[in-house]
């Protein structure tokens, strides 16, 4: 299972990483990356869009670690 995460890095506070739950999960990394390509930056607005354009906000696909 793959999920989209958003990442920002603050100089004094460190990283802020959270799962984009509205996008759901994906069976493959390729499907996850396709959703990022389709939705970012199309669905961003305001400060989030400005951060993305400036390179201060990123989106990537991460594979969930399944229970053993």
C-alpha atoms as a PDB file:
ATOM      1  CA  UNK A   1       0.000   0.000   0.000  1.00  0.00           C
ATOM      2  CA  UNK A   2       1.344   3.414  -1.018  1.00  0.00           C
ATOM      3  CA  UNK A   3       0.285   6.835   0.302  1.00  0.00           C
ATOM      4  CA  UNK A   4       1.059  10.446  -0.547  1.00  0.00           C
ATOM      5  CA  UNK A   5       2.880  12.469   2.076  1.00  0.00           C
ATOM      6  CA  UNK A   6       3.505  16.202   2.206  1.00  0.00           C
ATOM      7  CA  UNK A   7       6.828  17.419   3.604  1.00  0.00           C
ATOM      8  CA  UNK A   8       7.935  20.837   4.801  1.00  0.00           C
ATOM      9  CA  UNK A   9      11.150  21.674   6.640  1.00  0.00           C
ATOM     10  CA  UNK A  10      11.315  24.446   9.216  1.00  0.00           C
ATOM     11  CA  UNK A  11      14.763  25.763  10.132  1.00  0.00           C
ATOM     12  CA  UNK A  12      14.203  25.891  13.886  1.00  0.00           C
ATOM     13  CA  UNK A  13      11.461  23.295  14.372  1.00  0.00           C
ATOM     14  CA  UNK A  14      12.544  20.583  11.925  1.00  0.00           C
ATOM     15  CA  UNK A  15      10.444  18.613   9.455  1.00  0.00           C
ATOM     16  CA  UNK A  16       6.679  18.451   9.273  1.00  0.00           C
ATOM     17  CA  UNK A  17       5.408  15.358   7.457  1.00  0.00           C
ATOM     18  CA  UNK A  18       1.798  14.280   7.115  1.00  0.00           C
ATOM     19  CA  UNK A  19      -0.211  11.818   5.057  1.00  0.00           C
ATOM     20  CA  UNK A  20      -2.643  13.239   2.505  1.00  0.00           C
ATOM     21  CA  UNK A  21      -5.610  11.092   3.550  1.00  0.00           C
ATOM     22  CA  UNK A  22      -8.068  12.646   1.074  1.00  0.00           C
ATOM     23  CA  UNK A  23      -6.139  11.043  -1.782  1.00  0.00           C
ATOM     24  CA  UNK A  24      -6.595   7.541  -0.379  1.00  0.00           C
ATOM     25  CA  UNK A  25      -4.048   4.759  -0.817  1.00  0.00           C
ATOM     26  CA  UNK A  26      -2.622   3.093  -3.901  1.00  0.00           C
ATOM     27  CA  UNK A  27      -1.626  -0.437  -4.867  1.00  0.00           C
ATOM     28  CA  UNK A  28       1.493   0.697  -6.751  1.00  0.00           C
ATOM     29  CA  UNK A  29       4.044   3.481  -6.546  1.00  0.00           C
ATOM     30  CA  UNK A  30       3.261   4.366 -10.155  1.00  0.00           C
ATOM     31  CA  UNK A  31      -0.434   4.914  -9.355  1.00  0.00           C
ATOM     32  CA  UNK A  32       0.519   7.062  -6.376  1.00  0.00           C
ATOM     33  CA  UNK A  33       2.916   9.176  -8.439  1.00  0.00           C
ATOM     34  CA  UNK A  34       0.269   9.573 -11.157  1.00  0.00           C
ATOM     35  CA  UNK A  35      -2.099  11.056  -8.575  1.00  0.00           C
ATOM     36  CA  UNK A  36       0.549  13.543  -7.478  1.00  0.00           C
ATOM     37  CA  UNK A  37       1.168  14.550 -11.095  1.00  0.00           C
ATOM     38  CA  UNK A  38      -2.570  14.994 -11.657  1.00  0.00           C
ATOM     39  CA  UNK A  39      -3.401  16.811  -8.422  1.00  0.00           C
ATOM     40  CA  UNK A  40      -0.339  18.899  -7.541  1.00  0.00           C
ATOM     41  CA  UNK A  41      -0.354  21.843  -7.940  1.00  0.00           C
ATOM     42  CA  UNK A  42      -3.882  21.837  -9.415  1.00  0.00           C
ATOM     43  CA  UNK A  43      -5.569  21.455  -6.005  1.00  0.00           C
ATOM     44  CA  UNK A  44      -3.223  23.754  -4.064  1.00  0.00           C
ATOM     45  CA  UNK A  45      -4.039  27.359  -3.282  1.00  0.00           C
ATOM     46  CA  UNK A  46      -2.801  30.221  -1.139  1.00  0.00           C
ATOM     47  CA  UNK A  47       0.238  29.637   1.059  1.00  0.00           C
ATOM     48  CA  UNK A  48       0.445  25.923   0.166  1.00  0.00           C
ATOM     49  CA  UNK A  49       0.735  26.762  -3.540  1.00  0.00           C
ATOM     50  CA  UNK A  50       3.333  29.454  -2.861  1.00  0.00           C
ATOM     51  CA  UNK A  51       5.381  27.021  -0.745  1.00  0.00           C
ATOM     52  CA  UNK A  52       5.178  24.348  -3.449  1.00  0.00           C
ATOM     53  CA  UNK A  53       6.300  26.757  -6.185  1.00  0.00           C
ATOM     54  CA  UNK A  54       9.188  27.969  -4.015  1.00  0.00           C
ATOM     55  CA  UNK A  55      10.303  24.398  -3.300  1.00  0.00           C
ATOM     56  CA  UNK A  56       9.457  24.665   0.406  1.00  0.00           C
ATOM     57  CA  UNK A  57       6.722  22.001   0.240  1.00  0.00           C
ATOM     58  CA  UNK A  58       7.091  18.650  -1.419  1.00  0.00           C
ATOM     59  CA  UNK A  59       4.906  15.632  -2.103  1.00  0.00           C
ATOM     60  CA  UNK A  60       6.096  12.065  -2.421  1.00  0.00           C
ATOM     61  CA  UNK A  61       4.876   8.502  -2.287  1.00  0.00           C
ATOM     62  CA  UNK A  62       5.796   6.303   0.664  1.00  0.00           C
ATOM     63  CA  UNK A  63       5.115   2.603   1.036  1.00  0.00           C
ATOM     64  CA  UNK A  64       3.361   1.770   4.299  1.00  0.00           C
ATOM     65  CA  UNK A  65       5.082  -0.712   6.581  1.00  0.00           C
ATOM     66  CA  UNK A  66       2.680  -3.576   7.073  1.00  0.00           C
ATOM     67  CA  UNK A  67       2.310  -5.363  10.407  1.00  0.00           C
ATOM     68  CA  UNK A  68       4.299  -8.559  10.776  1.00  0.00           C
END
